[in-house]
Amino acid sequence: MKNIILTAILLFAVSGGVHAQTVYTIDSGDKLRITVFDEESLSGDFSVGADGSVTLPLIGTVTLRDLTPQAAQQTIANVLADGYLRHPVVSIDVLHFRPVYIIGEVNEPGEYGYASGMNVLNAVALGGGYTYRADQDDIIIMRGRDDNRVEIQANEQSIVLPGDIIHITERYF
């Protein structure tokens, strides 16, 4: 059993841990619909600020950066339960994901809207397809914020997350 746990920890560390994640987490630029059931005055649409937080009625600023929507629901419910509501039930829907960016050897590099389930090939299609110089076997996804961005070797089927920067490199021959 100890060997299994040690192996799991080593795989987590080698893979880059949280940075190489393929699970959506909330960050600045996202727009959320937060619903507190039976409390219309506490519900609404909220933009996640540059610091990764939202400001909610009654409870003020709550940091949601790097949380999944499910974890954010629980975080908000916990704050509401701490002296505000007896048994709060919170729901979060993502109304607008932060964009993805595609750079390098595509016909129309730039910023594009994220769609759930997007992969690199979908993003390349949004960017007008590969240029004749594109190295389709050398694709890099830059994931994370500037303070913790990591580069991930990718292929056309690699999953893209909101905020990713996809770099299609140039072939030399």
N, C-alpha and C. Protein backbone atom coordinates (compact mmCIF):
# COMPACT_ATOMS: atom_id res chain seq x y z
N MET A 1 0.82 -1.19 0.00
CA MET A 1 0.00 0.00 0.00
C MET A 1 0.87 1.27 0.00
N LYS A 2 1.96 1.25 0.79
CA LYS A 2 2.84 2.40 0.83
C LYS A 2 3.46 2.66 -0.54
N ASN A 3 3.77 1.57 -1.26
CA ASN A 3 4.36 1.72 -2.60
C ASN A 3 3.38 2.38 -3.56
N ILE A 4 2.10 2.05 -3.45
CA ILE A 4 1.09 2.64 -4.32
C ILE A 4 0.96 4.14 -4.04
N ILE A 5 0.93 4.50 -2.77
CA ILE A 5 0.82 5.91 -2.40
C ILE A 5 2.05 6.68 -2.86
N LEU A 6 3.23 6.10 -2.64
CA LEU A 6 4.47 6.75 -3.05
C LEU A 6 4.51 6.93 -4.57
N THR A 7 4.08 5.91 -5.31
CA THR A 7 4.04 5.99 -6.77
C THR A 7 3.08 7.09 -7.21
N ALA A 8 1.92 7.18 -6.59
CA ALA A 8 0.94 8.22 -6.94
C ALA A 8 1.51 9.61 -6.67
N ILE A 9 2.20 9.78 -5.55
CA ILE A 9 2.80 11.07 -5.23
C ILE A 9 3.88 11.43 -6.24
N LEU A 10 4.71 10.47 -6.61
CA LEU A 10 5.77 10.72 -7.58
C LEU A 10 5.18 11.07 -8.95
N LEU A 11 4.14 10.35 -9.38
CA LEU A 11 3.50 10.66 -10.66
C LEU A 11 2.90 12.05 -10.64
N PHE A 12 2.30 12.44 -9.53
CA PHE A 12 1.73 13.77 -9.39
C PHE A 12 2.82 14.83 -9.51
N ALA A 13 3.95 14.62 -8.84
CA ALA A 13 5.05 15.58 -8.86
C ALA A 13 5.68 15.66 -10.25
N VAL A 14 5.90 14.51 -10.89
CA VAL A 14 6.53 14.49 -12.21
C VAL A 14 5.63 15.10 -13.27
N SER A 15 4.32 14.88 -13.15
CA SER A 15 3.39 15.39 -14.16
C SER A 15 3.15 16.87 -14.02
N GLY A 16 3.69 17.49 -13.00
CA GLY A 16 3.48 18.92 -12.83
C GLY A 16 2.34 19.22 -11.89
N GLY A 17 1.79 18.17 -11.30
CA GLY A 17 0.74 18.36 -10.31
C GLY A 17 -0.45 19.10 -10.87
N VAL A 18 -0.89 20.09 -10.15
CA VAL A 18 -2.07 20.84 -10.50
C VAL A 18 -1.90 21.57 -11.83
N HIS A 19 -0.69 21.97 -12.17
CA HIS A 19 -0.46 22.77 -13.36
C HIS A 19 -0.78 22.02 -14.64
N ALA A 20 -0.63 20.72 -14.66
CA ALA A 20 -0.89 19.94 -15.86
C ALA A 20 -2.33 19.43 -15.86
N GLN A 21 -3.16 20.06 -15.09
CA GLN A 21 -4.54 19.62 -14.91
C GLN A 21 -5.32 19.64 -16.21
N THR A 22 -6.37 18.85 -16.25
CA THR A 22 -7.30 18.88 -17.37
C THR A 22 -8.70 19.13 -16.85
N VAL A 23 -8.81 19.69 -15.66
CA VAL A 23 -10.09 20.01 -15.05
C VAL A 23 -10.26 21.52 -15.03
N TYR A 24 -11.41 21.99 -15.43
CA TYR A 24 -11.68 23.43 -15.44
C TYR A 24 -11.71 23.98 -14.02
N THR A 25 -11.01 25.08 -13.82
CA THR A 25 -11.06 25.82 -12.56
C THR A 25 -11.36 27.28 -12.86
N ILE A 26 -11.98 27.93 -11.93
CA ILE A 26 -12.39 29.32 -12.07
C ILE A 26 -11.17 30.23 -11.98
N ASP A 27 -11.19 31.30 -12.80
CA ASP A 27 -10.12 32.30 -12.75
C ASP A 27 -10.65 33.62 -13.27
N SER A 28 -9.83 34.65 -13.21
CA SER A 28 -10.26 35.98 -13.65
C SER A 28 -10.66 35.95 -15.11
N GLY A 29 -11.71 36.68 -15.43
CA GLY A 29 -12.22 36.71 -16.79
C GLY A 29 -13.44 35.84 -16.98
N ASP A 30 -13.72 34.93 -16.06
CA ASP A 30 -14.92 34.11 -16.16
C ASP A 30 -16.13 34.89 -15.66
N LYS A 31 -17.29 34.57 -16.19
CA LYS A 31 -18.53 35.16 -15.70
C LYS A 31 -19.40 34.02 -15.18
N LEU A 32 -19.87 34.16 -13.95
CA LEU A 32 -20.61 33.10 -13.27
C LEU A 32 -22.02 33.53 -12.94
N ARG A 33 -22.94 32.60 -12.99
CA ARG A 33 -24.28 32.81 -12.43
C ARG A 33 -24.31 32.02 -11.12
N ILE A 34 -24.42 32.75 -10.03
CA ILE A 34 -24.45 32.14 -8.70
C ILE A 34 -25.87 32.24 -8.18
N THR A 35 -26.45 31.09 -7.88
CA THR A 35 -27.81 31.04 -7.38
C THR A 35 -27.81 30.49 -5.97
N VAL A 36 -28.38 31.26 -5.06
CA VAL A 36 -28.61 30.79 -3.70
C VAL A 36 -30.10 30.52 -3.63
N PHE A 37 -30.48 29.24 -3.52
CA PHE A 37 -31.89 28.86 -3.59
C PHE A 37 -32.71 29.51 -2.50
N ASP A 38 -33.87 30.01 -2.92
CA ASP A 38 -34.82 30.72 -2.06
C ASP A 38 -34.27 32.04 -1.53
N GLU A 39 -33.24 32.57 -2.17
CA GLU A 39 -32.65 33.86 -1.77
C GLU A 39 -32.32 34.65 -3.03
N GLU A 40 -33.35 35.18 -3.68
CA GLU A 40 -33.14 35.93 -4.93
C GLU A 40 -32.20 37.11 -4.76
N SER A 41 -32.26 37.76 -3.61
CA SER A 41 -31.43 38.95 -3.42
C SER A 41 -29.95 38.61 -3.30
N LEU A 42 -29.62 37.34 -3.08
CA LEU A 42 -28.22 36.92 -2.98
C LEU A 42 -27.72 36.28 -4.28
N SER A 43 -28.62 36.11 -5.23
CA SER A 43 -28.29 35.44 -6.49
C SER A 43 -28.04 36.47 -7.58
N GLY A 44 -27.29 36.06 -8.61
CA GLY A 44 -27.07 36.94 -9.75
C GLY A 44 -25.89 36.51 -10.59
N ASP A 45 -25.55 37.36 -11.56
CA ASP A 45 -24.42 37.12 -12.45
C ASP A 45 -23.23 37.94 -11.94
N PHE A 46 -22.07 37.29 -11.83
CA PHE A 46 -20.90 37.93 -11.25
C PHE A 46 -19.68 37.64 -12.11
N SER A 47 -18.86 38.66 -12.32
CA SER A 47 -17.60 38.49 -13.04
C SER A 47 -16.49 38.23 -12.03
N VAL A 48 -15.59 37.32 -12.37
CA VAL A 48 -14.46 37.02 -11.51
C VAL A 48 -13.40 38.08 -11.78
N GLY A 49 -12.99 38.78 -10.73
CA GLY A 49 -12.05 39.88 -10.86
C GLY A 49 -10.62 39.42 -11.10
N ALA A 50 -9.74 40.39 -11.30
CA ALA A 50 -8.33 40.10 -11.58
C ALA A 50 -7.65 39.33 -10.47
N ASP A 51 -8.15 39.46 -9.25
CA ASP A 51 -7.57 38.73 -8.11
C ASP A 51 -8.21 37.36 -7.91
N GLY A 52 -9.14 36.97 -8.79
CA GLY A 52 -9.76 35.65 -8.71
C GLY A 52 -10.93 35.59 -7.74
N SER A 53 -11.50 36.75 -7.41
CA SER A 53 -12.60 36.75 -6.45
C SER A 53 -13.85 37.39 -7.04
N VAL A 54 -14.97 37.15 -6.36
CA VAL A 54 -16.24 37.80 -6.68
C VAL A 54 -16.72 38.49 -5.41
N THR A 55 -17.48 39.54 -5.61
CA THR A 55 -18.07 40.24 -4.47
C THR A 55 -19.56 39.95 -4.47
N LEU A 56 -20.00 39.29 -3.41
CA LEU A 56 -21.38 38.84 -3.30
C LEU A 56 -22.15 39.66 -2.27
N PRO A 57 -23.47 39.80 -2.49
CA PRO A 57 -24.27 40.51 -1.50
C PRO A 57 -24.19 39.80 -0.14
N LEU A 58 -24.22 40.54 0.89
CA LEU A 58 -24.24 40.08 2.27
C LEU A 58 -22.88 39.62 2.79
N ILE A 59 -22.16 38.81 2.00
CA ILE A 59 -20.92 38.22 2.53
C ILE A 59 -19.65 38.88 2.00
N GLY A 60 -19.78 39.72 0.97
CA GLY A 60 -18.61 40.44 0.46
C GLY A 60 -17.76 39.62 -0.49
N THR A 61 -16.46 39.83 -0.43
CA THR A 61 -15.51 39.22 -1.37
C THR A 61 -15.19 37.78 -0.99
N VAL A 62 -15.30 36.91 -2.00
CA VAL A 62 -14.97 35.49 -1.81
C VAL A 62 -14.00 35.09 -2.92
N THR A 63 -12.87 34.54 -2.56
CA THR A 63 -11.88 34.10 -3.54
C THR A 63 -12.27 32.74 -4.09
N LEU A 64 -12.39 32.66 -5.42
CA LEU A 64 -12.78 31.42 -6.09
C LEU A 64 -11.70 30.90 -7.03
N ARG A 65 -10.61 31.65 -7.19
CA ARG A 65 -9.54 31.28 -8.11
C ARG A 65 -9.05 29.86 -7.82
N ASP A 66 -8.87 29.09 -8.89
CA ASP A 66 -8.35 27.73 -8.85
C ASP A 66 -9.31 26.72 -8.23
N LEU A 67 -10.57 27.10 -8.00
CA LEU A 67 -11.56 26.15 -7.52
C LEU A 67 -12.40 25.66 -8.69
N THR A 68 -12.82 24.41 -8.61
CA THR A 68 -13.80 23.91 -9.58
C THR A 68 -15.14 24.56 -9.23
N PRO A 69 -16.09 24.60 -10.15
CA PRO A 69 -17.40 25.15 -9.80
C PRO A 69 -18.03 24.45 -8.59
N GLN A 70 -17.84 23.14 -8.47
CA GLN A 70 -18.41 22.40 -7.33
C GLN A 70 -17.76 22.85 -6.02
N ALA A 71 -16.44 23.02 -6.03
CA ALA A 71 -15.75 23.47 -4.83
C ALA A 71 -16.13 24.91 -4.49
N ALA A 72 -16.34 25.74 -5.52
CA ALA A 72 -16.76 27.12 -5.29
C ALA A 72 -18.16 27.17 -4.67
N GLN A 73 -19.04 26.31 -5.13
CA GLN A 73 -20.39 26.22 -4.55
C GLN A 73 -20.29 25.94 -3.06
N GLN A 74 -19.47 24.97 -2.70
CA GLN A 74 -19.31 24.59 -1.30
C GLN A 74 -18.67 25.72 -0.48
N THR A 75 -17.70 26.41 -1.07
CA THR A 75 -17.05 27.53 -0.38
C THR A 75 -18.06 28.62 -0.05
N ILE A 76 -18.87 28.99 -1.04
CA ILE A 76 -19.87 30.04 -0.82
C ILE A 76 -20.91 29.57 0.19
N ALA A 77 -21.36 28.32 0.09
CA ALA A 77 -22.34 27.78 1.04
C ALA A 77 -21.78 27.81 2.46
N ASN A 78 -20.50 27.47 2.62
CA ASN A 78 -19.88 27.48 3.94
C ASN A 78 -19.85 28.89 4.54
N VAL A 79 -19.51 29.89 3.70
CA VAL A 79 -19.48 31.27 4.19
C VAL A 79 -20.89 31.72 4.58
N LEU A 80 -21.88 31.40 3.75
CA LEU A 80 -23.26 31.77 4.05
C LEU A 80 -23.76 31.08 5.31
N ALA A 81 -23.34 29.85 5.54
CA ALA A 81 -23.78 29.09 6.72
C ALA A 81 -23.14 29.61 8.00
N ASP A 82 -22.06 30.36 7.86
CA ASP A 82 -21.36 30.88 9.03
C ASP A 82 -21.98 32.20 9.50
N GLY A 83 -23.23 32.11 9.97
CA GLY A 83 -23.89 33.25 10.57
C GLY A 83 -24.88 33.99 9.70
N TYR A 84 -25.10 33.55 8.46
CA TYR A 84 -26.03 34.26 7.58
C TYR A 84 -27.28 33.44 7.26
N LEU A 85 -27.14 32.22 6.81
CA LEU A 85 -28.27 31.36 6.46
C LEU A 85 -28.11 30.00 7.15
N ARG A 86 -29.26 29.35 7.40
CA ARG A 86 -29.20 28.06 8.12
C ARG A 86 -28.63 26.93 7.25
N HIS A 87 -29.25 26.66 6.13
CA HIS A 87 -28.81 25.56 5.26
C HIS A 87 -28.77 26.05 3.81
N PRO A 88 -27.79 26.86 3.49
CA PRO A 88 -27.76 27.42 2.12
C PRO A 88 -27.45 26.35 1.07
N VAL A 89 -28.16 26.46 -0.04
CA VAL A 89 -27.90 25.60 -1.19
C VAL A 89 -27.48 26.53 -2.33
N VAL A 90 -26.27 26.33 -2.82
CA VAL A 90 -25.69 27.22 -3.82
C VAL A 90 -25.44 26.45 -5.11
N SER A 91 -25.72 27.10 -6.22
CA SER A 91 -25.45 26.54 -7.54
C SER A 91 -24.65 27.55 -8.34
N ILE A 92 -23.66 27.05 -9.10
CA ILE A 92 -22.86 27.93 -9.96
C ILE A 92 -22.89 27.40 -11.38
N ASP A 93 -23.23 28.28 -12.30
CA ASP A 93 -23.16 27.99 -13.73
C ASP A 93 -22.17 28.97 -14.35
N VAL A 94 -21.33 28.47 -15.23
CA VAL A 94 -20.39 29.34 -15.93
C VAL A 94 -21.10 29.89 -17.16
N LEU A 95 -21.31 31.20 -17.17
CA LEU A 95 -21.99 31.85 -18.30
C LEU A 95 -21.03 32.14 -19.44
N HIS A 96 -19.81 32.51 -19.08
CA HIS A 96 -18.82 32.89 -20.09
C HIS A 96 -17.43 32.49 -19.59
N PHE A 97 -16.78 31.62 -20.35
CA PHE A 97 -15.42 31.20 -20.02
C PHE A 97 -14.43 32.24 -20.54
N ARG A 98 -13.27 32.33 -19.90
CA ARG A 98 -12.22 33.20 -20.43
C ARG A 98 -11.77 32.60 -21.77
N PRO A 99 -11.25 33.44 -22.67
CA PRO A 99 -10.91 32.97 -24.02
C PRO A 99 -9.65 32.10 -24.05
N VAL A 100 -9.46 31.45 -25.20
CA VAL A 100 -8.21 30.76 -25.49
C VAL A 100 -7.49 31.57 -26.56
N TYR A 101 -6.19 31.39 -26.63
CA TYR A 101 -5.38 32.13 -27.60
C TYR A 101 -4.62 31.13 -28.44
N ILE A 102 -4.53 31.40 -29.73
CA ILE A 102 -3.74 30.54 -30.60
C ILE A 102 -2.74 31.43 -31.33
N ILE A 103 -1.47 31.02 -31.24
CA ILE A 103 -0.39 31.81 -31.83
C ILE A 103 0.47 30.90 -32.70
N GLY A 104 1.29 31.51 -33.51
CA GLY A 104 2.22 30.74 -34.33
C GLY A 104 1.66 30.50 -35.72
N GLU A 105 1.88 29.32 -36.21
CA GLU A 105 1.63 28.98 -37.61
C GLU A 105 0.19 28.54 -37.89
N VAL A 106 -0.73 29.50 -37.66
CA VAL A 106 -2.12 29.35 -38.09
C VAL A 106 -2.44 30.58 -38.94
N ASN A 107 -3.44 30.46 -39.78
CA ASN A 107 -3.76 31.55 -40.70
C ASN A 107 -4.30 32.80 -40.01
N GLU A 108 -5.01 32.63 -38.90
CA GLU A 108 -5.58 33.78 -38.20
C GLU A 108 -5.33 33.65 -36.70
N PRO A 109 -4.09 33.89 -36.25
CA PRO A 109 -3.82 33.80 -34.82
C PRO A 109 -4.63 34.85 -34.06
N GLY A 110 -4.92 34.54 -32.79
CA GLY A 110 -5.65 35.52 -32.01
C GLY A 110 -6.38 34.91 -30.84
N GLU A 111 -7.35 35.66 -30.34
CA GLU A 111 -8.16 35.29 -29.19
C GLU A 111 -9.48 34.71 -29.70
N TYR A 112 -9.88 33.57 -29.12
CA TYR A 112 -11.11 32.92 -29.53
C TYR A 112 -11.89 32.46 -28.31
N GLY A 113 -13.20 32.43 -28.46
CA GLY A 113 -14.06 31.97 -27.38
C GLY A 113 -13.86 30.49 -27.11
N TYR A 114 -13.89 30.14 -25.84
CA TYR A 114 -13.74 28.75 -25.43
C TYR A 114 -15.09 28.04 -25.55
N ALA A 115 -15.04 26.79 -25.99
CA ALA A 115 -16.23 25.94 -26.02
C ALA A 115 -15.91 24.67 -25.24
N SER A 116 -16.85 24.23 -24.46
CA SER A 116 -16.66 23.04 -23.64
C SER A 116 -16.27 21.85 -24.51
N GLY A 117 -15.26 21.10 -24.09
CA GLY A 117 -14.81 19.94 -24.84
C GLY A 117 -13.85 20.27 -25.97
N MET A 118 -13.38 21.49 -26.03
CA MET A 118 -12.49 21.92 -27.10
C MET A 118 -11.16 21.18 -27.04
N ASN A 119 -10.63 20.83 -28.22
CA ASN A 119 -9.29 20.28 -28.30
C ASN A 119 -8.45 21.16 -29.24
N VAL A 120 -7.19 20.82 -29.40
CA VAL A 120 -6.27 21.65 -30.20
C VAL A 120 -6.76 21.76 -31.64
N LEU A 121 -7.23 20.67 -32.21
CA LEU A 121 -7.69 20.70 -33.60
C LEU A 121 -8.86 21.67 -33.77
N ASN A 122 -9.79 21.71 -32.80
CA ASN A 122 -10.89 22.68 -32.85
C ASN A 122 -10.36 24.10 -32.83
N ALA A 123 -9.37 24.36 -31.98
CA ALA A 123 -8.79 25.70 -31.88
C ALA A 123 -8.08 26.08 -33.18
N VAL A 124 -7.37 25.14 -33.78
CA VAL A 124 -6.69 25.41 -35.06
C VAL A 124 -7.73 25.76 -36.13
N ALA A 125 -8.85 25.05 -36.11
CA ALA A 125 -9.91 25.35 -37.08
C ALA A 125 -10.44 26.77 -36.88
N LEU A 126 -10.61 27.19 -35.62
CA LEU A 126 -11.04 28.56 -35.35
C LEU A 126 -10.02 29.56 -35.88
N GLY A 127 -8.74 29.19 -35.81
CA GLY A 127 -7.66 30.05 -36.28
C GLY A 127 -7.43 29.97 -37.78
N GLY A 128 -8.36 29.41 -38.52
CA GLY A 128 -8.26 29.38 -39.98
C GLY A 128 -7.39 28.27 -40.53
N GLY A 129 -7.01 27.30 -39.70
CA GLY A 129 -6.20 26.18 -40.17
C GLY A 129 -4.71 26.48 -40.09
N TYR A 130 -3.93 25.45 -40.36
CA TYR A 130 -2.47 25.57 -40.33
C TYR A 130 -1.96 26.35 -41.53
N THR A 131 -0.84 27.03 -41.35
CA THR A 131 -0.14 27.61 -42.50
C THR A 131 0.70 26.49 -43.12
N TYR A 132 1.28 26.73 -44.27
CA TYR A 132 2.10 25.70 -44.92
C TYR A 132 3.39 25.44 -44.14
N ARG A 133 3.77 26.35 -43.24
CA ARG A 133 5.00 26.19 -42.45
C ARG A 133 4.76 25.50 -41.10
N ALA A 134 3.53 25.18 -40.78
CA ALA A 134 3.21 24.65 -39.46
C ALA A 134 3.81 23.26 -39.24
N ASP A 135 4.38 23.07 -38.07
CA ASP A 135 4.86 21.75 -37.64
C ASP A 135 3.74 21.14 -36.80
N GLN A 136 2.92 20.31 -37.41
CA GLN A 136 1.75 19.76 -36.75
C GLN A 136 2.11 18.74 -35.67
N ASP A 137 3.37 18.36 -35.61
CA ASP A 137 3.82 17.43 -34.58
C ASP A 137 4.52 18.12 -33.42
N ASP A 138 4.58 19.45 -33.45
CA ASP A 138 5.23 20.20 -32.38
C ASP A 138 4.28 21.31 -31.92
N ILE A 139 3.37 20.93 -31.05
CA ILE A 139 2.35 21.84 -30.53
C ILE A 139 2.58 21.99 -29.04
N ILE A 140 2.50 23.22 -28.56
CA ILE A 140 2.72 23.49 -27.14
C ILE A 140 1.50 24.22 -26.59
N ILE A 141 1.01 23.75 -25.45
CA ILE A 141 -0.05 24.46 -24.72
C ILE A 141 0.60 25.11 -23.51
N MET A 142 0.41 26.42 -23.39
CA MET A 142 0.88 27.14 -22.20
C MET A 142 -0.33 27.33 -21.30
N ARG A 143 -0.24 26.76 -20.11
CA ARG A 143 -1.39 26.74 -19.20
C ARG A 143 -1.04 27.40 -17.88
N GLY A 144 -1.98 28.14 -17.35
CA GLY A 144 -1.79 28.79 -16.06
C GLY A 144 -1.62 30.29 -16.23
N ARG A 145 -1.44 30.96 -15.12
CA ARG A 145 -1.22 32.41 -15.12
C ARG A 145 0.26 32.70 -15.28
N ASP A 146 0.58 33.95 -15.49
CA ASP A 146 1.97 34.35 -15.70
C ASP A 146 2.88 33.91 -14.56
N ASP A 147 2.36 33.91 -13.34
CA ASP A 147 3.19 33.56 -12.19
C ASP A 147 3.44 32.06 -12.04
N ASN A 148 2.68 31.22 -12.77
CA ASN A 148 2.88 29.78 -12.65
C ASN A 148 2.62 29.04 -13.96
N ARG A 149 2.85 29.70 -15.08
CA ARG A 149 2.57 29.10 -16.39
C ARG A 149 3.52 27.95 -16.68
N VAL A 150 2.96 26.86 -17.21
CA VAL A 150 3.76 25.70 -17.61
C VAL A 150 3.50 25.41 -19.08
N GLU A 151 4.48 24.79 -19.72
CA GLU A 151 4.35 24.39 -21.11
C GLU A 151 4.12 22.89 -21.17
N ILE A 152 3.11 22.50 -21.95
CA ILE A 152 2.74 21.10 -22.08
C ILE A 152 2.86 20.71 -23.55
N GLN A 153 3.61 19.65 -23.84
CA GLN A 153 3.66 19.13 -25.21
C GLN A 153 2.29 18.57 -25.52
N ALA A 154 1.78 18.88 -26.70
CA ALA A 154 0.41 18.50 -27.04
C ALA A 154 0.35 17.92 -28.44
N ASN A 155 -0.82 17.39 -28.78
CA ASN A 155 -1.12 16.96 -30.14
C ASN A 155 -2.51 17.48 -30.49
N GLU A 156 -2.99 17.16 -31.66
CA GLU A 156 -4.28 17.70 -32.11
C GLU A 156 -5.45 17.29 -31.23
N GLN A 157 -5.34 16.18 -30.52
CA GLN A 157 -6.44 15.70 -29.68
C GLN A 157 -6.34 16.17 -28.23
N SER A 158 -5.31 16.91 -27.88
CA SER A 158 -5.13 17.38 -26.50
C SER A 158 -6.26 18.34 -26.12
N ILE A 159 -6.74 18.20 -24.90
CA ILE A 159 -7.82 19.04 -24.39
C ILE A 159 -7.30 20.45 -24.11
N VAL A 160 -8.10 21.43 -24.48
CA VAL A 160 -7.80 22.84 -24.25
C VAL A 160 -8.71 23.32 -23.13
N LEU A 161 -8.17 24.13 -22.23
CA LEU A 161 -8.95 24.71 -21.14
C LEU A 161 -9.02 26.22 -21.31
N PRO A 162 -10.01 26.86 -20.69
CA PRO A 162 -10.10 28.32 -20.78
C PRO A 162 -8.80 28.97 -20.33
N GLY A 163 -8.37 29.98 -21.07
CA GLY A 163 -7.15 30.70 -20.74
C GLY A 163 -5.89 30.12 -21.33
N ASP A 164 -5.97 28.93 -21.95
CA ASP A 164 -4.79 28.32 -22.55
C ASP A 164 -4.28 29.14 -23.73
N ILE A 165 -2.97 29.08 -23.93
CA ILE A 165 -2.33 29.65 -25.11
C ILE A 165 -1.77 28.48 -25.90
N ILE A 166 -2.22 28.33 -27.14
CA ILE A 166 -1.79 27.22 -27.98
C ILE A 166 -0.78 27.77 -28.98
N HIS A 167 0.41 27.19 -28.98
CA HIS A 167 1.47 27.65 -29.88
C HIS A 167 1.75 26.57 -30.92
N ILE A 168 1.48 26.89 -32.17
CA ILE A 168 1.79 26.00 -33.28
C ILE A 168 3.14 26.44 -33.82
N THR A 169 4.15 25.60 -33.67
CA THR A 169 5.50 25.99 -34.04
C THR A 169 5.73 25.87 -35.55
N GLU A 170 6.84 26.45 -35.98
CA GLU A 170 7.22 26.46 -37.39
C GLU A 170 8.15 25.29 -37.68
N ARG A 171 7.90 24.61 -38.80
CA ARG A 171 8.82 23.56 -39.22
C ARG A 171 9.92 24.20 -40.05
N TYR A 172 11.05 23.55 -40.08
CA TYR A 172 12.19 24.15 -40.76
C TYR A 172 12.43 23.58 -42.15
N PHE A 173 11.85 22.43 -42.45
CA PHE A 173 12.05 21.83 -43.78
C PHE A 173 10.76 21.40 -44.37
